[in-house]
Every structure is written in structure tokens, then in C-alpha cells.
Amino acid sequence: MRSTPSRNRTVRRAIGAVAALLAVVFCRSEPSTDTPDTILVTGVTPATRYQSSVDEGLGVAVAIVLDNSGSMDDSAPGDSRTKADVAKAAIERTLDATEAALVKRPDYPVKVGLILFSSTARTVLAMQTYNRDSVHAALARLPAPAGGTAIGDAMQVAQRALYRAGTFRKVMLVVTDGENNAGARPFDVAHEIHARSDGGVGMYFVAFDTDPAKFGFLRDVKGDVIAAQNGDALQTSLAELYEARVLAESPTEPGPAPAADSNAASRARALPVRATGPSLPR
């Protein structure tokens, strides 16, 4: 039988279709060449990770995130003062320990910022090298408690402040008596911060006169929550967290590789880390 132009075209189409199918099969069977940095296990790529806006060096920055919602105007359990006044006094006394730490380690800066939240969040003390007078003045001028509880929004403000601090170590310390009811969800914000910082931001909560189980998500991001049912417990919990998570220098703090003749051992020494007290049941 003689071939015709029409038959030849049909044969060529069939051969082309088979070749295309085989190409798809072989491409799908090839092993992936993705590296761990490009596989979207958490949805975070190198391009979306946080970048500091300034050069970073040794030291620690702590963002104090304080609840100023309407419920903080209630009397603290076992105290004639409001929960807001008890919290402010506890923060003042806790941060006063910074001066003793700086005497021991004058070469290790401690920076402090204060974020206040109710229905919205705002900075009342910009991140700066610790100064007792500045901290006390900022706490003294806080407005009366009112409004909702935007914990997630405040965490976002704190994260931005920490990445402008210029220190390798970054800690967020949240004091709240309630549950988020405005703005971003703390669960979502905590997971995003943990992923985009490669776990570089420590997140710790003090649940003041409230159920710490509300903040169980902190276990997923290697953070912690401590219950404080009254003013004395709040003071103790804040002090333990501050000394263990802020003032205690990390023995594995990141930084540029030391020169061969530098005393790396002395720079890598760490203060002992204390236990944080009663935390959320595991």
C-alpha cells in the first residue's frame, strides 16, 4: 500500500504524542534537586526571613509588652491596687536588676523597649540602652486602662522593635490578664515570628490572673508561659523570666567568627540560667 501525505501526518502525530508522554513520565521520576532552604516546609523562604535594619552585635534586647485593656483596671487579687498598677510596679522592680547585671558585664549591652496594648498597640518607650529613669518615666505616664486586648498586634510591634535593636539576642516578654479579642491572633503571630526569625526571638508570657492554657501555642515555638495569680506571684514570675531569659547570656550566642588570637573562651562564657518556675503543664 502506498503511503499518502495524510497517513504520514497521522503517523508523525502519534509518534510525537508518545514521545511527549514518555518525557512527562521520566521527568516525574527524577529525584528532586530542592535544597532544605528552598523546600517550603514551613512556607518560609530565605527571601521572607526577617532581616535586621541595623548591624547586630553582642547584647540582648527585650521588648516588654504590657496589657492595658479595660480589665487591667480591676483590683488585683489580694491587693488594693489595680492590676495595671501592680504590673507597672513589678516591671519597674524587675528591670532594676539590669543595673547589677551591667556592673558585672559592662561590655554586654541590655536594651529595653515598652509596648502597650489595648484595642490597638503602640510604643511608649522606644528600644534603647537600659536607663532606669527613662523606664520609670515611661511607666508613670501610661494612660488609664481601657479597651480591648490586641495581643497579636502588640507582638508584631515588638518584633519590629527587636529587629531594630542591633543585638543578636532578642526576647519578647508579654504580661496580660486576658485573651486576645482584637487584631491579629497571637497563635498566628507567634508561629510567623518563630519561622521567619529561625527561632531567634524568645517569646515568654506571664498570665496574670488568667488561665495560662490560653497561651499553650507557645510550646510550639519553644516559648513559655508562667501563671501569676496575684501581685507577689507576678513579681516573682517576671523576675525569674527576666533573669533567666534576658540577663543570662546565651553560651551559643551568634556572631562573627573570632580571630585566631582572640580569647574566644572568655567571650563565650555564660551566666547560669535559672529555672522559670511553674510553667504550663506539658
C-alpha atoms as a PDB file:
ATOM      1  CA  MET A   1       0.000   0.000   0.000  1.00  0.00           C
ATOM      2  CA  ARG A   2       1.396   3.362  -0.900  1.00  0.00           C
ATOM      3  CA  SER A   3       1.670   5.951   1.862  1.00  0.00           C
ATOM      4  CA  THR A   4      -0.165   9.175   1.399  1.00  0.00           C
ATOM      5  CA  PRO A   5       0.604  12.635   2.814  1.00  0.00           C
ATOM      6  CA  SER A   6      -2.422  12.335   5.097  1.00  0.00           C
ATOM      7  CA  ARG A   7      -1.283   8.964   6.500  1.00  0.00           C
ATOM      8  CA  ASN A   8       2.267  10.253   7.048  1.00  0.00           C
ATOM      9  CA  ARG A   9       0.937  13.218   9.051  1.00  0.00           C
ATOM     10  CA  THR A  10      -1.120  10.860  11.241  1.00  0.00           C
ATOM     11  CA  VAL A  11       1.909   8.669  11.990  1.00  0.00           C
ATOM     12  CA  ARG A  12       4.054  11.686  12.872  1.00  0.00           C
ATOM     13  CA  ARG A  13       1.380  12.990  15.262  1.00  0.00           C
ATOM     14  CA  ALA A  14       1.185   9.584  17.003  1.00  0.00           C
ATOM     15  CA  ILE A  15       4.969   9.376  17.405  1.00  0.00           C
ATOM     16  CA  GLY A  16       5.065  12.925  18.811  1.00  0.00           C
ATOM     17  CA  ALA A  17       2.341  12.162  21.358  1.00  0.00           C
ATOM     18  CA  VAL A  18       4.158   9.053  22.593  1.00  0.00           C
ATOM     19  CA  ALA A  19       7.431  10.977  22.940  1.00  0.00           C
ATOM     20  CA  ALA A  20       5.729  13.732  24.949  1.00  0.00           C
ATOM     21  CA  LEU A  21       4.127  11.195  27.274  1.00  0.00           C
ATOM     22  CA  LEU A  22       7.460   9.466  27.896  1.00  0.00           C
ATOM     23  CA  ALA A  23       9.110  12.798  28.656  1.00  0.00           C
ATOM     24  CA  VAL A  24       6.492  13.589  31.302  1.00  0.00           C
ATOM     25  CA  VAL A  25       6.919  10.165  32.918  1.00  0.00           C
ATOM     26  CA  PHE A  26      10.704  10.424  33.074  1.00  0.00           C
ATOM     27  CA  CYS A  27      10.619  13.994  34.431  1.00  0.00           C
ATOM     28  CA  ARG A  28       8.291  12.970  37.236  1.00  0.00           C
ATOM     29  CA  SER A  29      10.501  10.027  38.184  1.00  0.00           C
ATOM     30  CA  GLU A  30      13.679  12.128  38.543  1.00  0.00           C
ATOM     31  CA  PRO A  31      14.695  12.899  42.120  1.00  0.00           C
ATOM     32  CA  SER A  32      14.075  16.440  43.397  1.00  0.00           C
ATOM     33  CA  THR A  33      17.042  18.804  43.426  1.00  0.00           C
ATOM     34  CA  ASP A  34      15.476  21.122  46.015  1.00  0.00           C
ATOM     35  CA  THR A  35      17.708  22.036  48.947  1.00  0.00           C
ATOM     36  CA  PRO A  36      16.425  22.396  52.532  1.00  0.00           C
ATOM     37  CA  ASP A  37      16.464  26.190  52.084  1.00  0.00           C
ATOM     38  CA  THR A  38      14.052  26.098  49.167  1.00  0.00           C
ATOM     39  CA  ILE A  39      11.629  23.385  50.245  1.00  0.00           C
ATOM     40  CA  LEU A  40       8.595  25.173  51.636  1.00  0.00           C
ATOM     41  CA  VAL A  41       8.168  23.001  54.707  1.00  0.00           C
ATOM     42  CA  THR A  42       7.017  25.960  56.798  1.00  0.00           C
ATOM     43  CA  GLY A  43       6.130  28.296  53.961  1.00  0.00           C
ATOM     44  CA  VAL A  44       9.132  30.499  54.795  1.00  0.00           C
ATOM     45  CA  THR A  45      11.882  31.030  52.226  1.00  0.00           C
ATOM     46  CA  PRO A  46      15.183  32.865  52.702  1.00  0.00           C
ATOM     47  CA  ALA A  47      13.609  35.881  50.996  1.00  0.00           C
ATOM     48  CA  THR A  48      10.868  36.167  53.615  1.00  0.00           C
ATOM     49  CA  ARG A  49      13.025  35.740  56.704  1.00  0.00           C
ATOM     50  CA  TYR A  50      13.459  38.762  58.935  1.00  0.00           C
ATOM     51  CA  GLN A  51      16.445  40.965  58.277  1.00  0.00           C
ATOM     52  CA  SER A  52      17.791  43.384  60.863  1.00  0.00           C
ATOM     53  CA  SER A  53      17.686  47.001  59.740  1.00  0.00           C
ATOM     54  CA  VAL A  54      20.995  47.681  61.534  1.00  0.00           C
ATOM     55  CA  ASP A  55      24.256  45.879  62.167  1.00  0.00           C
ATOM     56  CA  GLU A  56      23.979  43.482  65.109  1.00  0.00           C
ATOM     57  CA  GLY A  57      26.457  42.726  67.860  1.00  0.00           C
ATOM     58  CA  LEU A  58      26.715  41.216  71.311  1.00  0.00           C
ATOM     59  CA  GLY A  59      23.962  42.084  73.753  1.00  0.00           C
ATOM     60  CA  VAL A  60      20.288  41.432  74.365  1.00  0.00           C
ATOM     61  CA  ALA A  61      17.140  43.384  73.589  1.00  0.00           C
ATOM     62  CA  VAL A  62      13.907  42.833  75.493  1.00  0.00           C
ATOM     63  CA  ALA A  63      10.535  44.153  74.408  1.00  0.00           C
ATOM     64  CA  ILE A  64       8.206  44.423  77.405  1.00  0.00           C
ATOM     65  CA  VAL A  65       4.649  44.029  76.089  1.00  0.00           C
ATOM     66  CA  LEU A  66       2.098  45.202  78.660  1.00  0.00           C
ATOM     67  CA  ASP A  67      -1.674  44.718  78.673  1.00  0.00           C
ATOM     68  CA  ASN A  68      -3.594  47.968  79.255  1.00  0.00           C
ATOM     69  CA  SER A  69      -7.089  46.722  78.399  1.00  0.00           C
ATOM     70  CA  GLY A  70     -10.138  47.591  80.465  1.00  0.00           C
ATOM     71  CA  SER A  71      -9.844  44.540  82.706  1.00  0.00           C
ATOM     72  CA  MET A  72      -6.451  45.752  83.943  1.00  0.00           C
ATOM     73  CA  ASP A  73      -8.362  48.452  85.824  1.00  0.00           C
ATOM     74  CA  ASP A  74      -9.856  45.776  88.090  1.00  0.00           C
ATOM     75  CA  SER A  75      -8.388  45.212  91.539  1.00  0.00           C
ATOM     76  CA  ALA A  76      -5.569  42.688  91.642  1.00  0.00           C
ATOM     77  CA  PRO A  77      -6.346  39.550  93.681  1.00  0.00           C
ATOM     78  CA  GLY A  78      -5.415  40.136  97.326  1.00  0.00           C
ATOM     79  CA  ASP A  79      -4.356  43.735  96.651  1.00  0.00           C
ATOM     80  CA  SER A  80      -5.996  47.126  96.954  1.00  0.00           C
ATOM     81  CA  ARG A  81      -4.284  48.350  93.781  1.00  0.00           C
ATOM     82  CA  THR A  82      -5.448  47.800  90.230  1.00  0.00           C
ATOM     83  CA  LYS A  83      -3.822  45.075  88.151  1.00  0.00           C
ATOM     84  CA  ALA A  84      -2.299  47.808  85.966  1.00  0.00           C
ATOM     85  CA  ASP A  85      -0.581  49.458  88.958  1.00  0.00           C
ATOM     86  CA  VAL A  86       0.633  46.103  90.264  1.00  0.00           C
ATOM     87  CA  ALA A  87       2.048  45.231  86.845  1.00  0.00           C
ATOM     88  CA  LYS A  88       3.832  48.582  86.477  1.00  0.00           C
ATOM     89  CA  ALA A  89       5.449  48.225  89.904  1.00  0.00           C
ATOM     90  CA  ALA A  90       6.531  44.662  89.112  1.00  0.00           C
ATOM     91  CA  ILE A  91       8.095  45.726  85.806  1.00  0.00           C
ATOM     92  CA  GLU A  92       9.996  48.566  87.495  1.00  0.00           C
ATOM     93  CA  ARG A  93      11.420  46.291  90.176  1.00  0.00           C
ATOM     94  CA  THR A  94      12.268  43.585  87.651  1.00  0.00           C
ATOM     95  CA  LEU A  95      14.146  45.912  85.328  1.00  0.00           C
ATOM     96  CA  ASP A  96      16.053  47.438  88.237  1.00  0.00           C
ATOM     97  CA  ALA A  97      18.059  44.189  88.269  1.00  0.00           C
ATOM     98  CA  THR A  98      19.599  45.322  84.982  1.00  0.00           C
ATOM     99  CA  GLU A  99      21.932  47.744  86.752  1.00  0.00           C
ATOM    100  CA  ALA A 100      23.593  44.993  88.777  1.00  0.00           C
ATOM    101  CA  ALA A 101      23.996  42.886  85.629  1.00  0.00           C
ATOM    102  CA  LEU A 102      25.642  45.784  83.783  1.00  0.00           C
ATOM    103  CA  VAL A 103      28.118  46.258  86.604  1.00  0.00           C
ATOM    104  CA  LYS A 104      29.195  42.640  86.163  1.00  0.00           C
ATOM    105  CA  ARG A 105      29.184  42.814  82.346  1.00  0.00           C
ATOM    106  CA  PRO A 106      29.660  46.420  81.192  1.00  0.00           C
ATOM    107  CA  ASP A 107      30.642  45.125  77.746  1.00  0.00           C
ATOM    108  CA  TYR A 108      27.303  43.352  77.290  1.00  0.00           C
ATOM    109  CA  PRO A 109      24.575  45.899  76.481  1.00  0.00           C
ATOM    110  CA  VAL A 110      20.970  45.413  77.573  1.00  0.00           C
ATOM    111  CA  LYS A 111      18.347  47.266  75.565  1.00  0.00           C
ATOM    112  CA  VAL A 112      14.738  47.745  76.652  1.00  0.00           C
ATOM    113  CA  GLY A 113      11.557  48.834  74.883  1.00  0.00           C
ATOM    114  CA  LEU A 114       7.980  49.069  76.177  1.00  0.00           C
ATOM    115  CA  ILE A 115       4.894  48.337  74.066  1.00  0.00           C
ATOM    116  CA  LEU A 116       1.417  48.991  75.454  1.00  0.00           C
ATOM    117  CA  PHE A 117      -1.725  47.397  74.068  1.00  0.00           C
ATOM    118  CA  SER A 118      -5.470  47.574  74.493  1.00  0.00           C
ATOM    119  CA  SER A 119      -7.629  47.610  71.340  1.00  0.00           C
ATOM    120  CA  THR A 120      -4.501  48.687  69.467  1.00  0.00           C
ATOM    121  CA  ALA A 121      -0.782  48.585  70.201  1.00  0.00           C
ATOM    122  CA  ARG A 122       1.716  51.412  70.490  1.00  0.00           C
ATOM    123  CA  THR A 123       5.278  52.018  71.603  1.00  0.00           C
ATOM    124  CA  VAL A 124       5.624  54.050  74.805  1.00  0.00           C
ATOM    125  CA  LEU A 125       9.378  53.583  75.196  1.00  0.00           C
ATOM    126  CA  ALA A 126      11.448  53.138  72.046  1.00  0.00           C
ATOM    127  CA  MET A 127      14.041  50.375  72.158  1.00  0.00           C
ATOM    128  CA  GLN A 128      17.143  51.833  73.794  1.00  0.00           C
ATOM    129  CA  THR A 129      20.031  51.034  76.094  1.00  0.00           C
ATOM    130  CA  TYR A 130      18.588  50.489  79.551  1.00  0.00           C
ATOM    131  CA  ASN A 131      18.155  53.643  81.593  1.00  0.00           C
ATOM    132  CA  ARG A 132      16.316  53.405  84.900  1.00  0.00           C
ATOM    133  CA  ASP A 133      14.936  56.940  84.806  1.00  0.00           C
ATOM    134  CA  SER A 134      13.600  56.524  81.254  1.00  0.00           C
ATOM    135  CA  VAL A 135      11.834  53.264  82.141  1.00  0.00           C
ATOM    136  CA  HIS A 136      10.224  54.668  85.286  1.00  0.00           C
ATOM    137  CA  ALA A 137       9.138  57.845  83.473  1.00  0.00           C
ATOM    138  CA  ALA A 138       7.534  55.820  80.661  1.00  0.00           C
ATOM    139  CA  LEU A 139       5.617  53.652  83.128  1.00  0.00           C
ATOM    140  CA  ALA A 140       4.485  56.712  85.085  1.00  0.00           C
ATOM    141  CA  ARG A 141       2.859  58.317  82.061  1.00  0.00           C
ATOM    142  CA  LEU A 142       0.813  55.312  80.951  1.00  0.00           C
ATOM    143  CA  PRO A 143      -2.892  56.100  80.406  1.00  0.00           C
ATOM    144  CA  ALA A 144      -5.687  54.523  82.424  1.00  0.00           C
ATOM    145  CA  PRO A 145      -6.625  51.028  81.217  1.00  0.00           C
ATOM    146  CA  ALA A 146      -9.442  50.869  78.666  1.00  0.00           C
ATOM    147  CA  GLY A 147     -10.500  48.969  75.554  1.00  0.00           C
ATOM    148  CA  GLY A 148      -9.916  45.513  74.157  1.00  0.00           C
ATOM    149  CA  THR A 149      -6.984  43.094  74.067  1.00  0.00           C
ATOM    150  CA  ALA A 150      -4.874  43.140  70.907  1.00  0.00           C
ATOM    151  CA  ILE A 151      -2.064  40.814  71.955  1.00  0.00           C
ATOM    152  CA  GLY A 152      -1.133  39.694  68.441  1.00  0.00           C
ATOM    153  CA  ASP A 153      -0.815  43.267  67.151  1.00  0.00           C
ATOM    154  CA  ALA A 154       1.436  44.137  70.089  1.00  0.00           C
ATOM    155  CA  MET A 155       3.655  41.135  69.353  1.00  0.00           C
ATOM    156  CA  GLN A 156       4.111  42.394  65.795  1.00  0.00           C
ATOM    157  CA  VAL A 157       5.148  45.836  67.071  1.00  0.00           C
ATOM    158  CA  ALA A 158       7.584  44.164  69.472  1.00  0.00           C
ATOM    159  CA  GLN A 159       9.113  42.051  66.710  1.00  0.00           C
ATOM    160  CA  ARG A 160       9.853  45.137  64.616  1.00  0.00           C
ATOM    161  CA  ALA A 161      11.458  46.877  67.602  1.00  0.00           C
ATOM    162  CA  LEU A 162      13.653  43.862  68.317  1.00  0.00           C
ATOM    163  CA  TYR A 163      14.971  43.799  64.753  1.00  0.00           C
ATOM    164  CA  ARG A 164      15.975  47.450  65.057  1.00  0.00           C
ATOM    165  CA  ALA A 165      17.795  46.938  68.352  1.00  0.00           C
ATOM    166  CA  GLY A 166      21.187  45.905  66.972  1.00  0.00           C
ATOM    167  CA  THR A 167      21.682  42.876  69.249  1.00  0.00           C
ATOM    168  CA  PHE A 168      21.970  39.197  68.427  1.00  0.00           C
ATOM    169  CA  ARG A 169      19.683  38.085  71.250  1.00  0.00           C
ATOM    170  CA  LYS A 170      16.033  39.122  71.152  1.00  0.00           C
ATOM    171  CA  VAL A 171      13.378  38.482  73.803  1.00  0.00           C
ATOM    172  CA  MET A 172       9.684  39.348  73.967  1.00  0.00           C
ATOM    173  CA  LEU A 173       8.125  39.415  77.441  1.00  0.00           C
ATOM    174  CA  VAL A 174       4.318  39.731  77.473  1.00  0.00           C
ATOM    175  CA  VAL A 175       2.225  40.497  80.570  1.00  0.00           C
ATOM    176  CA  THR A 176      -1.526  40.050  80.103  1.00  0.00           C
ATOM    177  CA  ASP A 177      -4.638  39.261  82.124  1.00  0.00           C
ATOM    178  CA  GLY A 178      -6.872  38.293  79.248  1.00  0.00           C
ATOM    179  CA  GLU A 179      -7.465  36.682  75.916  1.00  0.00           C
ATOM    180  CA  ASN A 180      -6.944  38.251  72.510  1.00  0.00           C
ATOM    181  CA  ASN A 181     -10.144  39.825  71.161  1.00  0.00           C
ATOM    182  CA  ALA A 182      -8.844  42.346  68.617  1.00  0.00           C
ATOM    183  CA  GLY A 183      -6.440  42.359  65.680  1.00  0.00           C
ATOM    184  CA  ALA A 184      -4.128  39.504  64.698  1.00  0.00           C
ATOM    185  CA  ARG A 185      -4.308  36.163  66.502  1.00  0.00           C
ATOM    186  CA  PRO A 186      -1.346  35.593  68.857  1.00  0.00           C
ATOM    187  CA  PHE A 187      -1.204  31.953  67.684  1.00  0.00           C
ATOM    188  CA  ASP A 188      -0.600  33.057  64.082  1.00  0.00           C
ATOM    189  CA  VAL A 189       1.819  35.837  65.011  1.00  0.00           C
ATOM    190  CA  ALA A 190       3.899  33.608  67.292  1.00  0.00           C
ATOM    191  CA  HIS A 191       4.286  30.939  64.610  1.00  0.00           C
ATOM    192  CA  GLU A 192       5.182  33.502  61.969  1.00  0.00           C
ATOM    193  CA  ILE A 193       7.788  35.157  64.194  1.00  0.00           C
ATOM    194  CA  HIS A 194       9.281  31.784  65.099  1.00  0.00           C
ATOM    195  CA  ALA A 195       9.501  30.699  61.448  1.00  0.00           C
ATOM    196  CA  ARG A 196      10.738  33.973  59.983  1.00  0.00           C
ATOM    197  CA  SER A 197      13.334  34.504  62.726  1.00  0.00           C
ATOM    198  CA  ASP A 198      14.602  30.897  62.587  1.00  0.00           C
ATOM    199  CA  GLY A 199      13.667  30.650  66.255  1.00  0.00           C
ATOM    200  CA  GLY A 200      15.748  33.719  67.057  1.00  0.00           C
ATOM    201  CA  VAL A 201      13.098  35.543  69.093  1.00  0.00           C
ATOM    202  CA  GLY A 202      12.306  34.209  72.553  1.00  0.00           C
ATOM    203  CA  MET A 203       8.615  34.633  73.413  1.00  0.00           C
ATOM    204  CA  TYR A 204       7.519  34.419  77.049  1.00  0.00           C
ATOM    205  CA  PHE A 205       4.177  35.243  78.642  1.00  0.00           C
ATOM    206  CA  VAL A 206       3.107  35.934  82.203  1.00  0.00           C
ATOM    207  CA  ALA A 207      -0.593  35.068  82.542  1.00  0.00           C
ATOM    208  CA  PHE A 208      -1.668  37.487  85.282  1.00  0.00           C
ATOM    209  CA  ASP A 209      -4.904  36.392  86.979  1.00  0.00           C
ATOM    210  CA  THR A 210      -5.892  34.362  83.921  1.00  0.00           C
ATOM    211  CA  ASP A 211      -5.661  30.790  82.649  1.00  0.00           C
ATOM    212  CA  PRO A 212      -2.189  30.118  81.170  1.00  0.00           C
ATOM    213  CA  ALA A 213      -3.670  27.386  78.959  1.00  0.00           C
ATOM    214  CA  LYS A 214      -4.867  30.177  76.641  1.00  0.00           C
ATOM    215  CA  PHE A 215      -1.273  30.533  75.546  1.00  0.00           C
ATOM    216  CA  GLY A 216      -0.456  26.873  75.057  1.00  0.00           C
ATOM    217  CA  PHE A 217       0.681  27.652  71.495  1.00  0.00           C
ATOM    218  CA  LEU A 218       3.938  28.957  72.956  1.00  0.00           C
ATOM    219  CA  ARG A 219       5.069  25.348  73.364  1.00  0.00           C
ATOM    220  CA  ASP A 220       5.098  25.059  69.563  1.00  0.00           C
ATOM    221  CA  VAL A 221       7.561  27.953  69.230  1.00  0.00           C
ATOM    222  CA  LYS A 222       9.880  26.995  72.105  1.00  0.00           C
ATOM    223  CA  GLY A 223       8.477  29.758  74.296  1.00  0.00           C
ATOM    224  CA  ASP A 224       6.893  29.505  77.717  1.00  0.00           C
ATOM    225  CA  VAL A 225       4.059  30.855  79.861  1.00  0.00           C
ATOM    226  CA  ILE A 226       4.040  31.288  83.627  1.00  0.00           C
ATOM    227  CA  ALA A 227       0.917  31.710  85.737  1.00  0.00           C
ATOM    228  CA  ALA A 228       0.755  34.575  88.239  1.00  0.00           C
ATOM    229  CA  GLN A 229      -2.476  34.690  90.214  1.00  0.00           C
ATOM    230  CA  ASN A 230      -1.602  37.708  92.378  1.00  0.00           C
ATOM    231  CA  GLY A 231       0.832  40.586  92.684  1.00  0.00           C
ATOM    232  CA  ASP A 232       3.518  38.681  94.591  1.00  0.00           C
ATOM    233  CA  ALA A 233       3.445  35.865  92.051  1.00  0.00           C
ATOM    234  CA  LEU A 234       3.647  38.381  89.207  1.00  0.00           C
ATOM    235  CA  GLN A 235       6.760  39.957  90.681  1.00  0.00           C
ATOM    236  CA  THR A 236       8.393  36.565  91.211  1.00  0.00           C
ATOM    237  CA  SER A 237       7.488  35.277  87.730  1.00  0.00           C
ATOM    238  CA  LEU A 238       8.703  38.412  85.976  1.00  0.00           C
ATOM    239  CA  ALA A 239      11.975  38.407  87.881  1.00  0.00           C
ATOM    240  CA  GLU A 240      12.642  34.742  87.124  1.00  0.00           C
ATOM    241  CA  LEU A 241      11.894  35.156  83.423  1.00  0.00           C
ATOM    242  CA  TYR A 242      13.959  38.318  83.157  1.00  0.00           C
ATOM    243  CA  GLU A 243      16.995  36.882  84.915  1.00  0.00           C
ATOM    244  CA  ALA A 244      16.870  33.519  83.148  1.00  0.00           C
ATOM    245  CA  ARG A 245      15.800  34.567  79.649  1.00  0.00           C
ATOM    246  CA  VAL A 246      17.226  38.070  79.337  1.00  0.00           C
ATOM    247  CA  LEU A 247      20.140  38.718  81.685  1.00  0.00           C
ATOM    248  CA  ALA A 248      21.595  35.213  81.410  1.00  0.00           C
ATOM    249  CA  GLU A 249      23.858  35.339  78.375  1.00  0.00           C
ATOM    250  CA  SER A 250      23.436  32.529  75.873  1.00  0.00           C
ATOM    251  CA  PRO A 251      26.550  30.310  75.631  1.00  0.00           C
ATOM    252  CA  THR A 252      25.892  29.868  71.905  1.00  0.00           C
ATOM    253  CA  GLU A 253      25.223  33.481  71.009  1.00  0.00           C
ATOM    254  CA  PRO A 254      25.770  34.034  67.271  1.00  0.00           C
ATOM    255  CA  GLY A 255      28.297  36.452  65.945  1.00  0.00           C
ATOM    256  CA  PRO A 256      31.275  36.872  63.644  1.00  0.00           C
ATOM    257  CA  ALA A 257      33.969  34.229  63.904  1.00  0.00           C
ATOM    258  CA  PRO A 258      36.698  35.374  66.328  1.00  0.00           C
ATOM    259  CA  ALA A 259      40.241  35.953  65.132  1.00  0.00           C
ATOM    260  CA  ALA A 260      42.724  33.181  65.788  1.00  0.00           C
ATOM    261  CA  ASP A 261      44.474  35.129  68.562  1.00  0.00           C
ATOM    262  CA  SER A 262      41.299  36.282  70.343  1.00  0.00           C
ATOM    263  CA  ASN A 263      40.221  34.985  73.722  1.00  0.00           C
ATOM    264  CA  ALA A 264      37.106  33.205  72.451  1.00  0.00           C
ATOM    265  CA  ALA A 265      36.652  31.156  75.590  1.00  0.00           C
ATOM    266  CA  SER A 266      36.200  34.194  77.833  1.00  0.00           C
ATOM    267  CA  ARG A 267      33.767  35.818  75.428  1.00  0.00           C
ATOM    268  CA  ALA A 268      31.685  32.654  75.209  1.00  0.00           C
ATOM    269  CA  ARG A 269      31.247  32.209  78.936  1.00  0.00           C
ATOM    270  CA  ALA A 270      27.652  32.341  80.151  1.00  0.00           C
ATOM    271  CA  LEU A 271      25.840  33.293  83.297  1.00  0.00           C
ATOM    272  CA  PRO A 272      23.924  30.397  84.878  1.00  0.00           C
ATOM    273  CA  VAL A 273      20.312  30.036  83.736  1.00  0.00           C
ATOM    274  CA  ARG A 274      17.721  29.755  86.473  1.00  0.00           C
ATOM    275  CA  ALA A 275      14.555  27.714  86.277  1.00  0.00           C
ATOM    276  CA  THR A 276      11.464  29.708  85.304  1.00  0.00           C
ATOM    277  CA  GLY A 277       9.136  28.401  87.977  1.00  0.00           C
ATOM    278  CA  PRO A 278       5.679  26.904  87.419  1.00  0.00           C
ATOM    279  CA  SER A 279       5.033  26.750  83.707  1.00  0.00           C
ATOM    280  CA  LEU A 280       2.261  25.397  81.547  1.00  0.00           C
ATOM    281  CA  PRO A 281       1.838  21.634  82.078  1.00  0.00           C
ATOM    282  CA  ARG A 282       3.381  19.619  79.260  1.00  0.00           C
END
